[in-house]
C-alpha atoms as a PDB file:
ATOM      1  CA  MET A   1       4.717  36.133 -35.267  1.00  0.00           C
ATOM      2  CA  TYR A   2       2.227  35.280 -32.515  1.00  0.00           C
ATOM      3  CA  ARG A   3      -1.293  33.879 -32.837  1.00  0.00           C
ATOM      4  CA  VAL A   4      -4.451  33.973 -30.698  1.00  0.00           C
ATOM      5  CA  VAL A   5      -7.758  32.264 -31.556  1.00  0.00           C
ATOM      6  CA  MET A   6     -11.183  33.436 -30.390  1.00  0.00           C
ATOM      7  CA  ILE A   7     -14.588  31.734 -30.657  1.00  0.00           C
ATOM      8  CA  ARG A   8     -17.965  33.310 -30.060  1.00  0.00           C
ATOM      9  CA  HIS A   9     -20.024  30.786 -28.075  1.00  0.00           C
ATOM     10  CA  GLY A  10     -22.479  28.593 -29.903  1.00  0.00           C
ATOM     11  CA  GLN A  11     -26.154  29.525 -30.173  1.00  0.00           C
ATOM     12  CA  SER A  12     -27.724  30.021 -26.735  1.00  0.00           C
ATOM     13  CA  GLU A  13     -31.333  29.470 -25.668  1.00  0.00           C
ATOM     14  CA  TRP A  14     -31.941  33.213 -25.630  1.00  0.00           C
ATOM     15  CA  ASN A  15     -30.203  33.717 -28.992  1.00  0.00           C
ATOM     16  CA  GLN A  16     -32.746  31.259 -30.331  1.00  0.00           C
ATOM     17  CA  LYS A  17     -35.642  33.157 -28.692  1.00  0.00           C
ATOM     18  CA  ASN A  18     -34.234  36.518 -29.823  1.00  0.00           C
ATOM     19  CA  LEU A  19     -34.024  37.939 -26.291  1.00  0.00           C
ATOM     20  CA  PHE A  20     -31.511  40.392 -24.837  1.00  0.00           C
ATOM     21  CA  THR A  21     -29.140  38.180 -22.860  1.00  0.00           C
ATOM     22  CA  GLY A  22     -26.166  40.079 -21.410  1.00  0.00           C
ATOM     23  CA  TRP A  23     -24.983  38.535 -18.136  1.00  0.00           C
ATOM     24  CA  THR A  24     -27.985  36.212 -17.818  1.00  0.00           C
ATOM     25  CA  ASP A  25     -26.522  32.716 -17.534  1.00  0.00           C
ATOM     26  CA  VAL A  26     -28.424  30.827 -20.220  1.00  0.00           C
ATOM     27  CA  ASN A  27     -27.413  27.480 -21.685  1.00  0.00           C
ATOM     28  CA  LEU A  28     -26.455  26.424 -25.208  1.00  0.00           C
ATOM     29  CA  THR A  29     -29.060  24.944 -27.544  1.00  0.00           C
ATOM     30  CA  GLU A  30     -28.427  21.607 -29.243  1.00  0.00           C
ATOM     31  CA  ASN A  31     -27.440  23.622 -32.311  1.00  0.00           C
ATOM     32  CA  GLY A  32     -25.080  25.693 -30.152  1.00  0.00           C
ATOM     33  CA  ILE A  33     -23.406  22.511 -28.871  1.00  0.00           C
ATOM     34  CA  GLU A  34     -22.847  21.346 -32.451  1.00  0.00           C
ATOM     35  CA  GLU A  35     -21.421  24.767 -33.369  1.00  0.00           C
ATOM     36  CA  ALA A  36     -18.942  24.519 -30.488  1.00  0.00           C
ATOM     37  CA  LYS A  37     -17.929  20.997 -31.531  1.00  0.00           C
ATOM     38  CA  ASP A  38     -17.573  22.131 -35.153  1.00  0.00           C
ATOM     39  CA  ALA A  39     -15.224  24.903 -34.019  1.00  0.00           C
ATOM     40  CA  GLY A  40     -13.047  22.336 -32.270  1.00  0.00           C
ATOM     41  CA  ARG A  41     -13.051  20.058 -35.310  1.00  0.00           C
ATOM     42  CA  ILE A  42     -12.082  22.925 -37.616  1.00  0.00           C
ATOM     43  CA  LEU A  43      -9.193  23.845 -35.328  1.00  0.00           C
ATOM     44  CA  ARG A  44      -8.051  20.207 -35.104  1.00  0.00           C
ATOM     45  CA  GLU A  45      -8.216  19.724 -38.869  1.00  0.00           C
ATOM     46  CA  SER A  46      -6.257  22.956 -39.333  1.00  0.00           C
ATOM     47  CA  ASP A  47      -3.533  21.682 -36.953  1.00  0.00           C
ATOM     48  CA  TYR A  48      -4.063  24.331 -34.288  1.00  0.00           C
ATOM     49  CA  GLY A  49      -2.843  23.520 -30.790  1.00  0.00           C
ATOM     50  CA  PHE A  50      -3.213  25.388 -27.503  1.00  0.00           C
ATOM     51  CA  ASP A  51      -1.617  25.293 -24.072  1.00  0.00           C
ATOM     52  CA  ILE A  52      -3.921  27.672 -22.164  1.00  0.00           C
ATOM     53  CA  ALA A  53      -7.569  28.646 -22.599  1.00  0.00           C
ATOM     54  CA  PHE A  54      -9.920  31.363 -21.360  1.00  0.00           C
ATOM     55  CA  ALA A  55     -13.671  31.755 -20.959  1.00  0.00           C
ATOM     56  CA  SER A  56     -16.087  34.102 -19.254  1.00  0.00           C
ATOM     57  CA  VAL A  57     -17.911  32.978 -16.098  1.00  0.00           C
ATOM     58  CA  LEU A  58     -21.101  32.333 -18.102  1.00  0.00           C
ATOM     59  CA  GLN A  59     -21.935  28.734 -18.988  1.00  0.00           C
ATOM     60  CA  ARG A  60     -22.500  29.309 -22.709  1.00  0.00           C
ATOM     61  CA  SER A  61     -18.875  30.455 -22.960  1.00  0.00           C
ATOM     62  CA  ILE A  62     -17.483  27.756 -20.642  1.00  0.00           C
ATOM     63  CA  LYS A  63     -19.340  24.925 -22.363  1.00  0.00           C
ATOM     64  CA  THR A  64     -18.325  26.163 -25.807  1.00  0.00           C
ATOM     65  CA  LEU A  65     -14.713  26.109 -24.659  1.00  0.00           C
ATOM     66  CA  HIS A  66     -15.051  22.587 -23.264  1.00  0.00           C
ATOM     67  CA  TYR A  67     -16.772  21.163 -26.342  1.00  0.00           C
ATOM     68  CA  ALA A  68     -14.097  22.695 -28.574  1.00  0.00           C
ATOM     69  CA  LEU A  69     -11.243  21.470 -26.367  1.00  0.00           C
ATOM     70  CA  ASP A  70     -12.773  17.985 -26.259  1.00  0.00           C
ATOM     71  CA  GLU A  71     -12.698  17.829 -30.059  1.00  0.00           C
ATOM     72  CA  LEU A  72      -9.065  18.955 -29.919  1.00  0.00           C
ATOM     73  CA  GLY A  73      -8.163  16.378 -27.256  1.00  0.00           C
ATOM     74  CA  LEU A  74      -7.065  19.251 -25.017  1.00  0.00           C
ATOM     75  CA  LEU A  75      -9.484  19.185 -22.089  1.00  0.00           C
ATOM     76  CA  TRP A  76      -6.445  18.797 -19.837  1.00  0.00           C
ATOM     77  CA  ILE A  77      -4.822  22.178 -20.566  1.00  0.00           C
ATOM     78  CA  PRO A  78      -5.053  24.981 -17.959  1.00  0.00           C
ATOM     79  CA  GLU A  79      -8.034  27.270 -18.287  1.00  0.00           C
ATOM     80  CA  GLU A  80      -9.069  30.497 -16.605  1.00  0.00           C
ATOM     81  CA  LYS A  81     -12.511  32.033 -16.295  1.00  0.00           C
ATOM     82  CA  SER A  82     -12.952  35.786 -15.868  1.00  0.00           C
ATOM     83  CA  TRP A  83     -15.963  38.084 -15.528  1.00  0.00           C
ATOM     84  CA  LYS A  84     -14.025  40.570 -17.665  1.00  0.00           C
ATOM     85  CA  LEU A  85     -14.750  38.313 -20.658  1.00  0.00           C
ATOM     86  CA  ASN A  86     -18.506  38.347 -19.981  1.00  0.00           C
ATOM     87  CA  GLU A  87     -20.917  39.592 -22.600  1.00  0.00           C
ATOM     88  CA  ARG A  88     -21.882  43.255 -22.480  1.00  0.00           C
ATOM     89  CA  HIS A  89     -24.310  43.800 -19.581  1.00  0.00           C
ATOM     90  CA  TYR A  90     -27.683  44.790 -21.040  1.00  0.00           C
ATOM     91  CA  GLY A  91     -29.147  46.096 -17.781  1.00  0.00           C
ATOM     92  CA  ALA A  92     -32.948  46.165 -17.594  1.00  0.00           C
ATOM     93  CA  LEU A  93     -33.211  45.022 -21.228  1.00  0.00           C
ATOM     94  CA  GLN A  94     -32.068  41.523 -20.252  1.00  0.00           C
ATOM     95  CA  GLY A  95     -34.781  38.973 -20.865  1.00  0.00           C
ATOM     96  CA  LEU A  96     -36.817  41.264 -23.127  1.00  0.00           C
ATOM     97  CA  SER A  97     -37.749  40.359 -26.684  1.00  0.00           C
ATOM     98  CA  LYS A  98     -35.783  42.413 -29.194  1.00  0.00           C
ATOM     99  CA  PRO A  99     -38.726  42.887 -31.615  1.00  0.00           C
ATOM    100  CA  GLU A 100     -41.120  43.794 -28.764  1.00  0.00           C
ATOM    101  CA  THR A 101     -38.597  46.245 -27.307  1.00  0.00           C
ATOM    102  CA  THR A 102     -38.286  47.874 -30.723  1.00  0.00           C
ATOM    103  CA  GLU A 103     -42.073  48.125 -30.932  1.00  0.00           C
ATOM    104  CA  LYS A 104     -42.242  49.780 -27.501  1.00  0.00           C
ATOM    105  CA  TYR A 105     -39.307  52.207 -27.669  1.00  0.00           C
ATOM    106  CA  GLY A 106     -38.828  52.681 -31.401  1.00  0.00           C
ATOM    107  CA  GLU A 107     -36.188  51.446 -33.799  1.00  0.00           C
ATOM    108  CA  GLU A 108     -33.899  54.452 -33.372  1.00  0.00           C
ATOM    109  CA  GLN A 109     -33.699  54.177 -29.572  1.00  0.00           C
ATOM    110  CA  VAL A 110     -33.112  50.413 -29.613  1.00  0.00           C
ATOM    111  CA  HIS A 111     -30.468  50.836 -32.311  1.00  0.00           C
ATOM    112  CA  LEU A 112     -28.655  53.312 -30.029  1.00  0.00           C
ATOM    113  CA  TRP A 113     -28.824  50.917 -27.088  1.00  0.00           C
ATOM    114  CA  ARG A 114     -27.490  48.039 -29.150  1.00  0.00           C
ATOM    115  CA  ARG A 115     -24.967  49.558 -31.520  1.00  0.00           C
ATOM    116  CA  SER A 116     -23.633  52.902 -30.300  1.00  0.00           C
ATOM    117  CA  LEU A 117     -20.361  53.099 -28.402  1.00  0.00           C
ATOM    118  CA  SER A 118     -21.405  55.298 -25.497  1.00  0.00           C
ATOM    119  CA  VAL A 119     -25.175  54.906 -24.913  1.00  0.00           C
ATOM    120  CA  ARG A 120     -26.031  52.639 -21.977  1.00  0.00           C
ATOM    121  CA  PRO A 121     -29.256  50.633 -21.767  1.00  0.00           C
ATOM    122  CA  PRO A 122     -31.742  51.292 -18.946  1.00  0.00           C
ATOM    123  CA  MET A 123     -29.939  50.362 -15.706  1.00  0.00           C
ATOM    124  CA  LEU A 124     -31.091  47.699 -13.258  1.00  0.00           C
ATOM    125  CA  GLU A 125     -32.457  49.112  -9.999  1.00  0.00           C
ATOM    126  CA  GLN A 126     -30.152  48.642  -7.008  1.00  0.00           C
ATOM    127  CA  ASP A 127     -32.495  46.115  -5.352  1.00  0.00           C
ATOM    128  CA  ASP A 128     -32.932  44.062  -8.534  1.00  0.00           C
ATOM    129  CA  LYS A 129     -31.928  40.457  -7.813  1.00  0.00           C
ATOM    130  CA  ARG A 130     -30.409  40.210 -11.311  1.00  0.00           C
ATOM    131  CA  LEU A 131     -27.593  42.523 -10.237  1.00  0.00           C
ATOM    132  CA  PRO A 132     -24.232  40.721 -10.237  1.00  0.00           C
ATOM    133  CA  LYS A 133     -23.583  41.801  -6.630  1.00  0.00           C
ATOM    134  CA  PHE A 134     -26.194  39.195  -5.614  1.00  0.00           C
ATOM    135  CA  ASP A 135     -24.473  36.412  -7.611  1.00  0.00           C
ATOM    136  CA  PRO A 136     -21.811  34.346  -5.767  1.00  0.00           C
ATOM    137  CA  ARG A 137     -19.619  34.045  -8.864  1.00  0.00           C
ATOM    138  CA  TYR A 138     -18.795  37.776  -8.492  1.00  0.00           C
ATOM    139  CA  ALA A 139     -18.169  37.687  -4.735  1.00  0.00           C
ATOM    140  CA  ASP A 140     -14.468  38.522  -5.174  1.00  0.00           C
ATOM    141  CA  VAL A 141     -15.096  41.467  -7.508  1.00  0.00           C
ATOM    142  CA  PRO A 142     -15.287  44.938  -5.894  1.00  0.00           C
ATOM    143  CA  THR A 143     -18.935  45.977  -5.906  1.00  0.00           C
ATOM    144  CA  GLU A 144     -18.150  49.301  -7.566  1.00  0.00           C
ATOM    145  CA  ARG A 145     -16.779  47.412 -10.576  1.00  0.00           C
ATOM    146  CA  LEU A 146     -19.947  45.374 -11.122  1.00  0.00           C
ATOM    147  CA  PRO A 147     -22.269  46.992 -13.677  1.00  0.00           C
ATOM    148  CA  ALA A 148     -26.029  47.492 -13.604  1.00  0.00           C
ATOM    149  CA  GLY A 149     -25.780  47.934 -17.379  1.00  0.00           C
ATOM    150  CA  GLU A 150     -23.006  48.775 -19.852  1.00  0.00           C
ATOM    151  CA  SER A 151     -22.339  50.685 -23.025  1.00  0.00           C
ATOM    152  CA  LEU A 152     -20.088  49.032 -25.565  1.00  0.00           C
ATOM    153  CA  GLN A 153     -17.359  51.468 -24.492  1.00  0.00           C
ATOM    154  CA  ASP A 154     -17.652  50.156 -20.913  1.00  0.00           C
ATOM    155  CA  THR A 155     -17.185  46.640 -22.278  1.00  0.00           C
ATOM    156  CA  ILE A 156     -14.173  47.709 -24.345  1.00  0.00           C
ATOM    157  CA  GLU A 157     -12.485  49.134 -21.255  1.00  0.00           C
ATOM    158  CA  ARG A 158     -12.796  45.994 -19.118  1.00  0.00           C
ATOM    159  CA  VAL A 159     -11.927  43.626 -21.983  1.00  0.00           C
ATOM    160  CA  GLY A 160      -8.977  45.791 -23.022  1.00  0.00           C
ATOM    161  CA  GLU A 161      -7.706  45.784 -19.464  1.00  0.00           C
ATOM    162  CA  PHE A 162      -7.889  41.980 -19.407  1.00  0.00           C
ATOM    163  CA  TRP A 163      -6.079  41.748 -22.744  1.00  0.00           C
ATOM    164  CA  ASP A 164      -3.212  43.979 -21.624  1.00  0.00           C
ATOM    165  CA  GLU A 165      -2.831  42.512 -18.147  1.00  0.00           C
ATOM    166  CA  LYS A 166      -3.447  38.815 -18.788  1.00  0.00           C
ATOM    167  CA  ILE A 167      -3.247  37.854 -22.477  1.00  0.00           C
ATOM    168  CA  VAL A 168      -0.352  39.986 -23.761  1.00  0.00           C
ATOM    169  CA  PRO A 169       2.243  38.679 -21.223  1.00  0.00           C
ATOM    170  CA  LEU A 170       1.249  35.083 -21.991  1.00  0.00           C
ATOM    171  CA  VAL A 171       1.495  35.670 -25.745  1.00  0.00           C
ATOM    172  CA  GLN A 172       4.933  37.218 -25.310  1.00  0.00           C
ATOM    173  CA  ASP A 173       5.986  34.164 -23.296  1.00  0.00           C
ATOM    174  CA  GLY A 174       5.120  31.988 -26.292  1.00  0.00           C
ATOM    175  CA  HIS A 175       1.807  30.504 -25.138  1.00  0.00           C
ATOM    176  CA  HIS A 176      -0.818  29.351 -27.638  1.00  0.00           C
ATOM    177  CA  ILE A 177      -4.129  30.792 -26.479  1.00  0.00           C
ATOM    178  CA  LEU A 178      -7.775  29.948 -27.157  1.00  0.00           C
ATOM    179  CA  ILE A 179     -10.511  32.316 -25.942  1.00  0.00           C
ATOM    180  CA  ALA A 180     -14.206  31.327 -25.921  1.00  0.00           C
ATOM    181  CA  ALA A 181     -16.239  34.454 -25.315  1.00  0.00           C
ATOM    182  CA  HIS A 182     -19.226  36.463 -26.569  1.00  0.00           C
ATOM    183  CA  GLY A 183     -20.208  38.547 -29.576  1.00  0.00           C
ATOM    184  CA  ASN A 184     -19.742  41.921 -27.901  1.00  0.00           C
ATOM    185  CA  THR A 185     -16.674  40.772 -25.979  1.00  0.00           C
ATOM    186  CA  ILE A 186     -14.961  39.871 -29.236  1.00  0.00           C
ATOM    187  CA  ARG A 187     -16.170  43.063 -30.926  1.00  0.00           C
ATOM    188  CA  ALA A 188     -14.754  44.986 -27.968  1.00  0.00           C
ATOM    189  CA  LEU A 189     -11.393  43.225 -28.292  1.00  0.00           C
ATOM    190  CA  ILE A 190     -11.253  43.961 -32.011  1.00  0.00           C
ATOM    191  CA  LYS A 191     -12.074  47.622 -31.375  1.00  0.00           C
ATOM    192  CA  PHE A 192      -9.438  47.773 -28.641  1.00  0.00           C
ATOM    193  CA  MET A 193      -6.690  46.096 -30.663  1.00  0.00           C
ATOM    194  CA  GLU A 194      -7.348  47.733 -34.022  1.00  0.00           C
ATOM    195  CA  ASP A 195      -8.687  51.093 -32.825  1.00  0.00           C
ATOM    196  CA  LEU A 196     -11.581  50.879 -35.277  1.00  0.00           C
ATOM    197  CA  GLU A 197     -13.691  53.917 -36.059  1.00  0.00           C
ATOM    198  CA  GLU A 198     -17.226  53.772 -34.683  1.00  0.00           C
ATOM    199  CA  HIS A 199     -18.762  53.330 -38.153  1.00  0.00           C
ATOM    200  CA  GLU A 200     -16.458  50.336 -38.773  1.00  0.00           C
ATOM    201  CA  LEU A 201     -17.539  48.786 -35.484  1.00  0.00           C
ATOM    202  CA  LEU A 202     -21.224  49.146 -36.348  1.00  0.00           C
ATOM    203  CA  ASP A 203     -20.787  46.792 -39.302  1.00  0.00           C
ATOM    204  CA  LEU A 204     -18.720  44.247 -37.349  1.00  0.00           C
ATOM    205  CA  ASN A 205     -20.728  41.085 -36.611  1.00  0.00           C
ATOM    206  CA  ILE A 206     -19.222  37.977 -35.050  1.00  0.00           C
ATOM    207  CA  PRO A 207     -20.686  34.609 -36.128  1.00  0.00           C
ATOM    208  CA  THR A 208     -21.315  31.897 -33.538  1.00  0.00           C
ATOM    209  CA  GLY A 209     -18.966  28.933 -33.397  1.00  0.00           C
ATOM    210  CA  VAL A 210     -16.490  30.054 -36.090  1.00  0.00           C
ATOM    211  CA  PRO A 211     -12.822  30.309 -34.997  1.00  0.00           C
ATOM    212  CA  LEU A 212     -11.406  33.804 -35.484  1.00  0.00           C
ATOM    213  CA  VAL A 213      -7.617  33.847 -35.807  1.00  0.00           C
ATOM    214  CA  TYR A 214      -5.464  36.861 -34.960  1.00  0.00           C
ATOM    215  CA  GLU A 215      -1.884  36.986 -36.211  1.00  0.00           C
ATOM    216  CA  LEU A 216       0.172  39.404 -34.113  1.00  0.00           C
ATOM    217  CA  ASP A 217       3.573  41.025 -34.509  1.00  0.00           C
ATOM    218  CA  ASP A 218       6.431  41.088 -31.975  1.00  0.00           C
ATOM    219  CA  ASP A 219       4.700  43.912 -30.090  1.00  0.00           C
ATOM    220  CA  VAL A 220       1.448  41.869 -29.975  1.00  0.00           C
ATOM    221  CA  LYS A 221      -0.186  44.246 -32.451  1.00  0.00           C
ATOM    222  CA  PRO A 222      -2.545  42.838 -35.112  1.00  0.00           C
ATOM    223  CA  ILE A 223      -1.128  41.881 -38.489  1.00  0.00           C
ATOM    224  CA  ARG A 224      -4.372  40.351 -39.758  1.00  0.00           C
ATOM    225  CA  ARG A 225      -7.485  38.483 -38.651  1.00  0.00           C
ATOM    226  CA  PHE A 226      -9.400  35.783 -40.498  1.00  0.00           C
ATOM    227  CA  TYR A 227     -11.984  33.057 -39.918  1.00  0.00           C
ATOM    228  CA  LEU A 228     -11.207  29.357 -40.197  1.00  0.00           C
ATOM    229  CA  GLY A 229     -13.500  26.951 -42.007  1.00  0.00           C
ATOM    230  CA  HIS A 230     -14.934  26.239 -45.428  1.00  0.00           C
ATOM    231  CA  PRO A 231     -15.563  29.588 -47.214  1.00  0.00           C
ATOM    232  CA  THR A 232     -19.223  28.780 -47.931  1.00  0.00           C
ATOM    233  CA  HIS A 233     -19.855  27.866 -44.289  1.00  0.00           C
ATOM    234  CA  VAL A 234     -18.067  30.968 -43.020  1.00  0.00           C
ATOM    235  CA  GLU A 235     -19.973  33.280 -45.365  1.00  0.00           C
ATOM    236  CA  GLU A 236     -23.317  31.770 -44.357  1.00  0.00           C
ATOM    237  CA  LYS A 237     -22.482  32.185 -40.653  1.00  0.00           C
ATOM    238  CA  LYS A 238     -21.406  35.784 -41.252  1.00  0.00           C
ATOM    239  CA  ARG A 239     -24.655  36.441 -43.115  1.00  0.00           C
ATOM    240  CA  GLN A 240     -26.639  35.088 -40.169  1.00  0.00           C
ATOM    241  CA  ALA A 241     -24.630  37.238 -37.751  1.00  0.00           C
ATOM    242  CA  ALA A 242     -25.379  40.339 -39.831  1.00  0.00           C
ATOM    243  CA  ASP A 243     -29.144  39.822 -39.489  1.00  0.00           C
ATOM    244  CA  PRO A 244     -30.304  42.903 -37.499  1.00  0.00           C
ATOM    245  CA  ASN A 245     -32.525  40.683 -35.355  1.00  0.00           C
ATOM    246  CA  HIS A 246     -29.714  38.306 -34.437  1.00  0.00           C
ATOM    247  CA  ASP A 247     -26.593  40.389 -34.024  1.00  0.00           C
ATOM    248  CA  PRO A 248     -24.185  39.928 -31.077  1.00  0.00           C
ATOM    249  CA  ASP A 249     -26.204  40.619 -27.924  1.00  0.00           C
END
């Protein structure tokens, strides 16, 4: 049996303000830092060890990984950052207030943008400086692969590609892997690995800073997934994640 652990980054500044975030590179809040440290402590107390780690290229993911690894005494292990683990790109919605956007466009439209598989948000214009093609961290990525906005299905495709090409071979070689990523990245991975129905995905909310463990069979297919931590703490974090105003954006 193999095992992979994932952590959704701790609370970010825009999580706290209830703004659409996407690829905007916002920092962790003080609470988010504590969540990341708590994740590391939970993993240490549960005797989890890792020899390679992954994050997106966004600082809330990278810092969550580092705070967790510091608690584990594993800051020295190899790590890799990839844009394919970035949060879903929310296009022109990025930076907008979720309640105000709902007021402007209506609850049904915003629900489609946030929760459907195939509906994309309004795209960024091609001269918009928020486009990733203007950001040096994506200089090595072919321009045609950089989104101006994504549906969840778009996110599933890039994350699934990363899982198959990068994670699966390492798992099969016996590596112990920790991934610090984002709410929609992790939802996308779960959808990809378990082939969930769309209605099952709609109810899937990922709490911040709670380690999610995947046990995998010899073919790197899921046996089960579960959260680590005290049951009361985990249930409270899951309840917070299920709040329609604070789900994984």
